[in-house]
Amino acid sequence: MTRVTLQPTPVAVWAASVGTPTPAGTAAPQAAPTALPGVTVTGGDLQAVDVKQLLRQDPQTEPGERTALSGCTGCQLLPSQYRDLVGDGGAELITAVVTADHHAYLHVYQLRGQQVFAVLTLSVLPGFTADTLGTDLVVHEPTSSATRTTSTYHWNGAQLVRTTATGPDTTPAPGPNDCPAPTPYPGGKFQLPLVIPSPSATAGSKAHPSAGPVAPATAPAPTAPAPTAPTAAAVVPTPAPNGPESTS
């Protein structure tokens, strides 16, 4: 009997977060996790913990995040998600904050006994999405309107560490029949990119003035004229000379 092993499929954590993609993002080195000061979970249930209070007690929470927790225009605390990222059957807390200055931060917390540990803290690009693939956390960050970077974080026994990163994705190169995009002029007008004629352009066509000098066409080799058939000369009868008059 053949045994079929089912492969895990991605499960979305959130839809795309608010904000506008920024040019680039970086992954800071992760410090060894330590228990959050002043936080004790007596019931053994991480879902019973106030997430805002948890973030306020986390020394790695940025000032902009603390402002967002109090409420501000453009700020957002994404809904808390609970997924098993360790493989022990429990559930880690995944949360994220978007600040007023369009920065985003992702946090993962783990409950050990009665203490809470920050096992992943990331500065991510606004507009990011996240999936869980088995026990891995996969983060997608838009580096532009057409490209993104994908990073996978795996449990190493103490914390989540990045194991793979791919991107940015590239868009397909234009085909030979694709037209170049117009270039905007000030005032909203458009200028089509200059197309320089090929050397095989027909004679008599005028090149664009900025296309540069065009090499003159090669003159055809001279050919000998075809022989012509001789024409018959006109024959004019010559009158006979007059002889001496005869006398009767």
C-alpha atoms as a PDB file:
ATOM      1  CA  MET A   1       0.000   0.000   0.000  1.00  0.00           C
ATOM      2  CA  THR A   2       1.329   3.413  -0.953  1.00  0.00           C
ATOM      3  CA  ARG A   3       1.358   5.964   1.868  1.00  0.00           C
ATOM      4  CA  VAL A   4       0.545   9.509   0.852  1.00  0.00           C
ATOM      5  CA  THR A   5       1.930  12.336   3.015  1.00  0.00           C
ATOM      6  CA  LEU A   6      -0.139  15.496   2.945  1.00  0.00           C
ATOM      7  CA  GLN A   7       1.901  18.682   2.627  1.00  0.00           C
ATOM      8  CA  PRO A   8       0.889  21.719   4.709  1.00  0.00           C
ATOM      9  CA  THR A   9      -0.801  24.570   2.908  1.00  0.00           C
ATOM     10  CA  PRO A  10      -0.446  28.285   3.727  1.00  0.00           C
ATOM     11  CA  VAL A  11      -3.039  29.703   6.128  1.00  0.00           C
ATOM     12  CA  ALA A  12      -3.391  33.493   6.069  1.00  0.00           C
ATOM     13  CA  VAL A  13      -2.791  35.317   9.329  1.00  0.00           C
ATOM     14  CA  TRP A  14      -4.142  38.671   8.134  1.00  0.00           C
ATOM     15  CA  ALA A  15      -5.173  40.306   4.935  1.00  0.00           C
ATOM     16  CA  ALA A  16      -2.846  43.039   3.637  1.00  0.00           C
ATOM     17  CA  SER A  17      -2.251  45.649   6.323  1.00  0.00           C
ATOM     18  CA  VAL A  18      -2.877  49.317   5.754  1.00  0.00           C
ATOM     19  CA  GLY A  19      -0.201  51.676   4.513  1.00  0.00           C
ATOM     20  CA  THR A  20       1.817  52.371   1.425  1.00  0.00           C
ATOM     21  CA  PRO A  21       4.817  50.252   0.345  1.00  0.00           C
ATOM     22  CA  THR A  22       8.161  51.887   1.074  1.00  0.00           C
ATOM     23  CA  PRO A  23      11.350  51.369  -0.923  1.00  0.00           C
ATOM     24  CA  ALA A  24      13.078  48.794   1.262  1.00  0.00           C
ATOM     25  CA  GLY A  25      12.970  46.893   4.520  1.00  0.00           C
ATOM     26  CA  THR A  26      15.530  45.178   6.711  1.00  0.00           C
ATOM     27  CA  ALA A  27      15.466  42.281   9.145  1.00  0.00           C
ATOM     28  CA  ALA A  28      17.195  43.174  12.384  1.00  0.00           C
ATOM     29  CA  PRO A  29      19.122  40.455  14.260  1.00  0.00           C
ATOM     30  CA  GLN A  30      16.990  38.817  16.928  1.00  0.00           C
ATOM     31  CA  ALA A  31      18.169  38.963  20.527  1.00  0.00           C
ATOM     32  CA  ALA A  32      17.766  35.947  22.800  1.00  0.00           C
ATOM     33  CA  PRO A  33      14.201  36.008  24.149  1.00  0.00           C
ATOM     34  CA  THR A  34      13.649  37.012  27.775  1.00  0.00           C
ATOM     35  CA  ALA A  35      10.503  37.017  29.903  1.00  0.00           C
ATOM     36  CA  LEU A  36       8.499  40.223  29.733  1.00  0.00           C
ATOM     37  CA  PRO A  37       8.781  42.123  33.019  1.00  0.00           C
ATOM     38  CA  GLY A  38       5.633  42.509  35.075  1.00  0.00           C
ATOM     39  CA  VAL A  39       3.603  39.937  33.153  1.00  0.00           C
ATOM     40  CA  THR A  40       2.345  36.755  34.846  1.00  0.00           C
ATOM     41  CA  VAL A  41      -0.246  34.414  33.347  1.00  0.00           C
ATOM     42  CA  THR A  42      -1.764  32.337  36.113  1.00  0.00           C
ATOM     43  CA  GLY A  43      -4.428  30.537  34.087  1.00  0.00           C
ATOM     44  CA  GLY A  44      -2.014  29.098  31.539  1.00  0.00           C
ATOM     45  CA  ASP A  45      -4.005  30.676  28.703  1.00  0.00           C
ATOM     46  CA  LEU A  46      -2.214  33.231  26.550  1.00  0.00           C
ATOM     47  CA  GLN A  47      -5.484  34.235  24.919  1.00  0.00           C
ATOM     48  CA  ALA A  48      -6.682  35.654  28.230  1.00  0.00           C
ATOM     49  CA  VAL A  49      -3.869  38.246  28.281  1.00  0.00           C
ATOM     50  CA  ASP A  50      -4.602  41.883  27.318  1.00  0.00           C
ATOM     51  CA  VAL A  51      -2.562  42.317  24.111  1.00  0.00           C
ATOM     52  CA  LYS A  52      -2.199  46.089  24.540  1.00  0.00           C
ATOM     53  CA  GLN A  53      -0.852  45.646  28.042  1.00  0.00           C
ATOM     54  CA  LEU A  54       1.494  42.949  26.778  1.00  0.00           C
ATOM     55  CA  LEU A  55       2.913  45.298  24.137  1.00  0.00           C
ATOM     56  CA  ARG A  56       3.307  48.113  26.660  1.00  0.00           C
ATOM     57  CA  GLN A  57       5.351  45.811  28.901  1.00  0.00           C
ATOM     58  CA  ASP A  58       7.592  44.671  26.060  1.00  0.00           C
ATOM     59  CA  PRO A  59      10.916  46.607  26.134  1.00  0.00           C
ATOM     60  CA  GLN A  60      11.262  46.092  22.350  1.00  0.00           C
ATOM     61  CA  THR A  61       8.051  47.975  21.575  1.00  0.00           C
ATOM     62  CA  GLU A  62       8.880  51.163  19.659  1.00  0.00           C
ATOM     63  CA  PRO A  63       7.676  54.634  20.779  1.00  0.00           C
ATOM     64  CA  GLY A  64       5.495  54.911  17.693  1.00  0.00           C
ATOM     65  CA  GLU A  65       3.809  51.648  18.626  1.00  0.00           C
ATOM     66  CA  ARG A  66       3.083  52.897  22.139  1.00  0.00           C
ATOM     67  CA  THR A  67       1.410  55.953  20.641  1.00  0.00           C
ATOM     68  CA  ALA A  68      -0.616  53.737  18.332  1.00  0.00           C
ATOM     69  CA  LEU A  69      -1.828  51.665  21.286  1.00  0.00           C
ATOM     70  CA  SER A  70      -3.427  54.793  22.734  1.00  0.00           C
ATOM     71  CA  GLY A  71      -5.159  55.552  19.423  1.00  0.00           C
ATOM     72  CA  CYS A  72      -4.174  57.956  16.656  1.00  0.00           C
ATOM     73  CA  THR A  73      -5.076  58.789  13.080  1.00  0.00           C
ATOM     74  CA  GLY A  74      -3.730  56.176  10.700  1.00  0.00           C
ATOM     75  CA  CYS A  75      -2.717  53.817  13.523  1.00  0.00           C
ATOM     76  CA  GLN A  76      -3.867  50.234  13.701  1.00  0.00           C
ATOM     77  CA  LEU A  77      -3.520  47.242  16.011  1.00  0.00           C
ATOM     78  CA  LEU A  78      -4.185  44.154  13.918  1.00  0.00           C
ATOM     79  CA  PRO A  79      -6.427  41.452  15.409  1.00  0.00           C
ATOM     80  CA  SER A  80      -4.578  38.950  17.559  1.00  0.00           C
ATOM     81  CA  GLN A  81      -4.002  35.529  15.995  1.00  0.00           C
ATOM     82  CA  TYR A  82      -3.036  32.309  17.746  1.00  0.00           C
ATOM     83  CA  ARG A  83      -1.103  29.621  15.850  1.00  0.00           C
ATOM     84  CA  ASP A  84       1.171  26.751  16.836  1.00  0.00           C
ATOM     85  CA  LEU A  85       4.615  27.932  15.684  1.00  0.00           C
ATOM     86  CA  VAL A  86       6.598  25.652  18.024  1.00  0.00           C
ATOM     87  CA  GLY A  87       5.062  22.271  17.289  1.00  0.00           C
ATOM     88  CA  ASP A  88       4.042  21.485  20.866  1.00  0.00           C
ATOM     89  CA  GLY A  89       0.300  21.700  20.263  1.00  0.00           C
ATOM     90  CA  GLY A  90      -0.013  25.073  21.972  1.00  0.00           C
ATOM     91  CA  ALA A  91      -0.687  28.434  20.367  1.00  0.00           C
ATOM     92  CA  GLU A  92       1.632  31.417  20.113  1.00  0.00           C
ATOM     93  CA  LEU A  93       0.274  34.958  19.956  1.00  0.00           C
ATOM     94  CA  ILE A  94       0.866  36.840  16.671  1.00  0.00           C
ATOM     95  CA  THR A  95       0.096  40.547  16.602  1.00  0.00           C
ATOM     96  CA  ALA A  96       1.164  43.611  14.631  1.00  0.00           C
ATOM     97  CA  VAL A  97       1.006  47.386  14.957  1.00  0.00           C
ATOM     98  CA  VAL A  98       0.888  50.026  12.193  1.00  0.00           C
ATOM     99  CA  THR A  99       1.987  53.488  13.329  1.00  0.00           C
ATOM    100  CA  ALA A 100       0.969  56.971  12.215  1.00  0.00           C
ATOM    101  CA  ASP A 101       4.239  57.448  10.275  1.00  0.00           C
ATOM    102  CA  HIS A 102       3.536  54.354   8.127  1.00  0.00           C
ATOM    103  CA  HIS A 103       5.789  51.883   9.906  1.00  0.00           C
ATOM    104  CA  ALA A 104       4.682  48.371  10.820  1.00  0.00           C
ATOM    105  CA  TYR A 105       5.911  45.975  13.488  1.00  0.00           C
ATOM    106  CA  LEU A 106       5.140  42.290  13.921  1.00  0.00           C
ATOM    107  CA  HIS A 107       5.421  40.503  17.299  1.00  0.00           C
ATOM    108  CA  VAL A 108       5.179  36.827  18.283  1.00  0.00           C
ATOM    109  CA  TYR A 109       4.840  35.835  21.966  1.00  0.00           C
ATOM    110  CA  GLN A 110       5.116  32.427  23.591  1.00  0.00           C
ATOM    111  CA  LEU A 111       3.839  31.306  26.980  1.00  0.00           C
ATOM    112  CA  ARG A 112       6.321  29.306  29.083  1.00  0.00           C
ATOM    113  CA  GLY A 113       4.828  28.324  32.388  1.00  0.00           C
ATOM    114  CA  GLN A 114       3.447  31.589  33.729  1.00  0.00           C
ATOM    115  CA  GLN A 115       5.816  33.867  31.839  1.00  0.00           C
ATOM    116  CA  VAL A 116       5.531  35.390  28.372  1.00  0.00           C
ATOM    117  CA  PHE A 117       8.520  35.547  26.012  1.00  0.00           C
ATOM    118  CA  ALA A 118       8.914  37.638  22.859  1.00  0.00           C
ATOM    119  CA  VAL A 119      10.189  35.029  20.390  1.00  0.00           C
ATOM    120  CA  LEU A 120      10.053  37.274  17.297  1.00  0.00           C
ATOM    121  CA  THR A 121      10.050  41.049  16.813  1.00  0.00           C
ATOM    122  CA  LEU A 122      10.130  42.413  13.264  1.00  0.00           C
ATOM    123  CA  SER A 123      10.035  45.779  11.572  1.00  0.00           C
ATOM    124  CA  VAL A 124       8.068  45.082   8.397  1.00  0.00           C
ATOM    125  CA  LEU A 125       6.875  47.109   5.437  1.00  0.00           C
ATOM    126  CA  PRO A 126       3.321  48.463   5.475  1.00  0.00           C
ATOM    127  CA  GLY A 127       1.089  46.417   3.233  1.00  0.00           C
ATOM    128  CA  PHE A 128       2.727  43.185   4.409  1.00  0.00           C
ATOM    129  CA  THR A 129       0.849  39.893   4.694  1.00  0.00           C
ATOM    130  CA  ALA A 130       1.630  36.777   6.720  1.00  0.00           C
ATOM    131  CA  ASP A 131       0.833  33.069   6.466  1.00  0.00           C
ATOM    132  CA  THR A 132       1.513  30.036   8.582  1.00  0.00           C
ATOM    133  CA  LEU A 133       2.833  27.031   6.678  1.00  0.00           C
ATOM    134  CA  GLY A 134       2.770  24.147   9.122  1.00  0.00           C
ATOM    135  CA  THR A 135       4.642  25.579  12.100  1.00  0.00           C
ATOM    136  CA  ASP A 136       6.530  28.139  10.002  1.00  0.00           C
ATOM    137  CA  LEU A 137       5.616  31.809   9.786  1.00  0.00           C
ATOM    138  CA  VAL A 138       5.892  33.255   6.256  1.00  0.00           C
ATOM    139  CA  VAL A 139       5.979  37.054   5.869  1.00  0.00           C
ATOM    140  CA  HIS A 140       5.447  38.785   2.519  1.00  0.00           C
ATOM    141  CA  GLU A 141       6.580  42.415   2.201  1.00  0.00           C
ATOM    142  CA  PRO A 142       5.888  44.637  -0.839  1.00  0.00           C
ATOM    143  CA  THR A 143       9.085  46.357  -1.932  1.00  0.00           C
ATOM    144  CA  SER A 144       7.215  48.187  -4.708  1.00  0.00           C
ATOM    145  CA  SER A 145       3.887  48.059  -6.493  1.00  0.00           C
ATOM    146  CA  ALA A 146       5.085  45.048  -8.511  1.00  0.00           C
ATOM    147  CA  THR A 147       7.683  43.277  -6.346  1.00  0.00           C
ATOM    148  CA  ARG A 148       7.799  41.689  -2.923  1.00  0.00           C
ATOM    149  CA  THR A 149      10.125  39.839  -0.569  1.00  0.00           C
ATOM    150  CA  THR A 150       9.116  36.614   1.169  1.00  0.00           C
ATOM    151  CA  SER A 151      10.792  35.495   4.427  1.00  0.00           C
ATOM    152  CA  THR A 152      10.223  32.240   6.300  1.00  0.00           C
ATOM    153  CA  TYR A 153      10.721  32.012  10.091  1.00  0.00           C
ATOM    154  CA  HIS A 154      11.232  28.642  11.758  1.00  0.00           C
ATOM    155  CA  TRP A 155      11.419  27.588  15.404  1.00  0.00           C
ATOM    156  CA  ASN A 156      14.996  26.700  16.412  1.00  0.00           C
ATOM    157  CA  GLY A 157      14.224  25.527  19.930  1.00  0.00           C
ATOM    158  CA  ALA A 158      14.485  28.961  21.548  1.00  0.00           C
ATOM    159  CA  GLN A 159      12.991  31.475  19.133  1.00  0.00           C
ATOM    160  CA  LEU A 160      11.810  32.030  15.571  1.00  0.00           C
ATOM    161  CA  VAL A 161      14.671  32.663  13.151  1.00  0.00           C
ATOM    162  CA  ARG A 162      14.643  33.461   9.466  1.00  0.00           C
ATOM    163  CA  THR A 163      15.640  30.435   7.418  1.00  0.00           C
ATOM    164  CA  THR A 164      14.878  31.539   3.861  1.00  0.00           C
ATOM    165  CA  ALA A 165      14.262  34.797   2.049  1.00  0.00           C
ATOM    166  CA  THR A 166      13.373  35.267  -1.596  1.00  0.00           C
ATOM    167  CA  GLY A 167      12.683  38.306  -3.766  1.00  0.00           C
ATOM    168  CA  PRO A 168      12.099  40.833  -4.844  1.00  0.00           C
ATOM    169  CA  ASP A 169      10.006  39.185  -7.533  1.00  0.00           C
ATOM    170  CA  THR A 170      10.533  40.491 -11.054  1.00  0.00           C
ATOM    171  CA  THR A 171       7.898  41.281 -13.594  1.00  0.00           C
ATOM    172  CA  PRO A 172       8.086  39.638 -17.053  1.00  0.00           C
ATOM    173  CA  ALA A 173      10.272  41.449 -19.570  1.00  0.00           C
ATOM    174  CA  PRO A 174       8.347  43.188 -22.356  1.00  0.00           C
ATOM    175  CA  GLY A 175       7.879  41.176 -25.504  1.00  0.00           C
ATOM    176  CA  PRO A 176       9.056  42.237 -28.953  1.00  0.00           C
ATOM    177  CA  ASN A 177       5.580  43.516 -29.838  1.00  0.00           C
ATOM    178  CA  ASP A 178       5.036  45.501 -26.628  1.00  0.00           C
ATOM    179  CA  CYS A 179       4.917  49.257 -27.026  1.00  0.00           C
ATOM    180  CA  PRO A 180       7.139  51.367 -24.741  1.00  0.00           C
ATOM    181  CA  ALA A 181       5.308  53.362 -22.097  1.00  0.00           C
ATOM    182  CA  PRO A 182       4.944  57.097 -22.743  1.00  0.00           C
ATOM    183  CA  THR A 183       7.032  59.502 -20.719  1.00  0.00           C
ATOM    184  CA  PRO A 184       5.031  62.282 -18.992  1.00  0.00           C
ATOM    185  CA  TYR A 185       5.877  65.898 -19.725  1.00  0.00           C
ATOM    186  CA  PRO A 186       5.187  68.629 -17.151  1.00  0.00           C
ATOM    187  CA  GLY A 187       1.561  69.647 -17.508  1.00  0.00           C
ATOM    188  CA  GLY A 188       0.241  66.131 -18.098  1.00  0.00           C
ATOM    189  CA  LYS A 189       1.294  65.688 -21.742  1.00  0.00           C
ATOM    190  CA  PHE A 190       3.110  62.588 -22.894  1.00  0.00           C
ATOM    191  CA  GLN A 191       6.145  62.029 -25.071  1.00  0.00           C
ATOM    192  CA  LEU A 192       6.628  58.694 -26.729  1.00  0.00           C
ATOM    193  CA  PRO A 193      10.161  57.342 -26.387  1.00  0.00           C
ATOM    194  CA  LEU A 194      12.341  58.026 -29.419  1.00  0.00           C
ATOM    195  CA  VAL A 195      12.544  55.151 -31.866  1.00  0.00           C
ATOM    196  CA  ILE A 196      15.708  55.268 -34.001  1.00  0.00           C
ATOM    197  CA  PRO A 197      15.140  53.866 -37.506  1.00  0.00           C
ATOM    198  CA  SER A 198      17.133  50.824 -38.465  1.00  0.00           C
ATOM    199  CA  PRO A 199      19.757  51.040 -41.259  1.00  0.00           C
ATOM    200  CA  SER A 200      17.369  49.117 -43.490  1.00  0.00           C
ATOM    201  CA  ALA A 201      14.977  52.054 -43.624  1.00  0.00           C
ATOM    202  CA  THR A 202      13.896  52.888 -47.142  1.00  0.00           C
ATOM    203  CA  ALA A 203      15.760  55.595 -49.021  1.00  0.00           C
ATOM    204  CA  GLY A 204      14.078  58.961 -48.907  1.00  0.00           C
ATOM    205  CA  SER A 205      12.695  58.503 -45.362  1.00  0.00           C
ATOM    206  CA  LYS A 206      13.732  61.242 -42.991  1.00  0.00           C
ATOM    207  CA  ALA A 207      15.355  60.351 -39.667  1.00  0.00           C
ATOM    208  CA  HIS A 208      14.318  62.048 -36.446  1.00  0.00           C
ATOM    209  CA  PRO A 209      16.535  65.126 -35.864  1.00  0.00           C
ATOM    210  CA  SER A 210      17.796  63.728 -32.561  1.00  0.00           C
ATOM    211  CA  ALA A 211      18.395  60.254 -33.899  1.00  0.00           C
ATOM    212  CA  GLY A 212      21.988  61.106 -34.834  1.00  0.00           C
ATOM    213  CA  PRO A 213      23.676  60.757 -38.237  1.00  0.00           C
ATOM    214  CA  VAL A 214      22.546  57.926 -40.403  1.00  0.00           C
ATOM    215  CA  ALA A 215      25.111  56.143 -42.566  1.00  0.00           C
ATOM    216  CA  PRO A 216      24.505  56.800 -46.288  1.00  0.00           C
ATOM    217  CA  ALA A 217      23.136  53.969 -48.287  1.00  0.00           C
ATOM    218  CA  THR A 218      25.674  52.049 -50.353  1.00  0.00           C
ATOM    219  CA  ALA A 219      25.569  53.090 -54.018  1.00  0.00           C
ATOM    220  CA  PRO A 220      24.749  50.210 -56.392  1.00  0.00           C
ATOM    221  CA  ALA A 221      27.616  48.849 -58.472  1.00  0.00           C
ATOM    222  CA  PRO A 222      27.691  50.228 -62.049  1.00  0.00           C
ATOM    223  CA  THR A 223      26.459  47.891 -64.705  1.00  0.00           C
ATOM    224  CA  ALA A 224      27.506  47.827 -68.368  1.00  0.00           C
ATOM    225  CA  PRO A 225      24.810  49.007 -70.777  1.00  0.00           C
ATOM    226  CA  ALA A 226      23.169  46.323 -72.772  1.00  0.00           C
ATOM    227  CA  PRO A 227      24.365  46.130 -76.407  1.00  0.00           C
ATOM    228  CA  THR A 228      22.004  47.610 -78.907  1.00  0.00           C
ATOM    229  CA  ALA A 229      21.278  46.124 -82.282  1.00  0.00           C
ATOM    230  CA  PRO A 230      22.773  48.110 -85.229  1.00  0.00           C
ATOM    231  CA  THR A 231      20.320  50.162 -87.158  1.00  0.00           C
ATOM    232  CA  ALA A 232      20.235  50.170 -90.933  1.00  0.00           C
ATOM    233  CA  ALA A 233      21.475  53.400 -92.518  1.00  0.00           C
ATOM    234  CA  ALA A 234      19.113  55.126 -94.872  1.00  0.00           C
ATOM    235  CA  VAL A 235      20.036  54.612 -98.530  1.00  0.00           C
ATOM    236  CA  VAL A 236      19.635  57.665-100.732  1.00  0.00           C
ATOM    237  CA  PRO A 237      19.785  56.941-104.480  1.00  0.00           C
ATOM    238  CA  THR A 238      22.512  58.873-106.222  1.00  0.00           C
ATOM    239  CA  PRO A 239      21.459  60.363-109.551  1.00  0.00           C
ATOM    240  CA  ALA A 240      23.399  59.176-112.574  1.00  0.00           C
ATOM    241  CA  PRO A 241      25.691  61.759-114.139  1.00  0.00           C
ATOM    242  CA  ASN A 242      24.407  63.434-117.282  1.00  0.00           C
ATOM    243  CA  GLY A 243      26.216  62.315-120.491  1.00  0.00           C
ATOM    244  CA  PRO A 244      26.783  64.418-123.586  1.00  0.00           C
ATOM    245  CA  GLU A 245      23.652  65.426-125.348  1.00  0.00           C
ATOM    246  CA  SER A 246      23.096  63.606-128.539  1.00  0.00           C
ATOM    247  CA  THR A 247      22.402  65.591-131.617  1.00  0.00           C
ATOM    248  CA  SER A 248      20.110  64.497-134.157  1.00  0.00           C
END
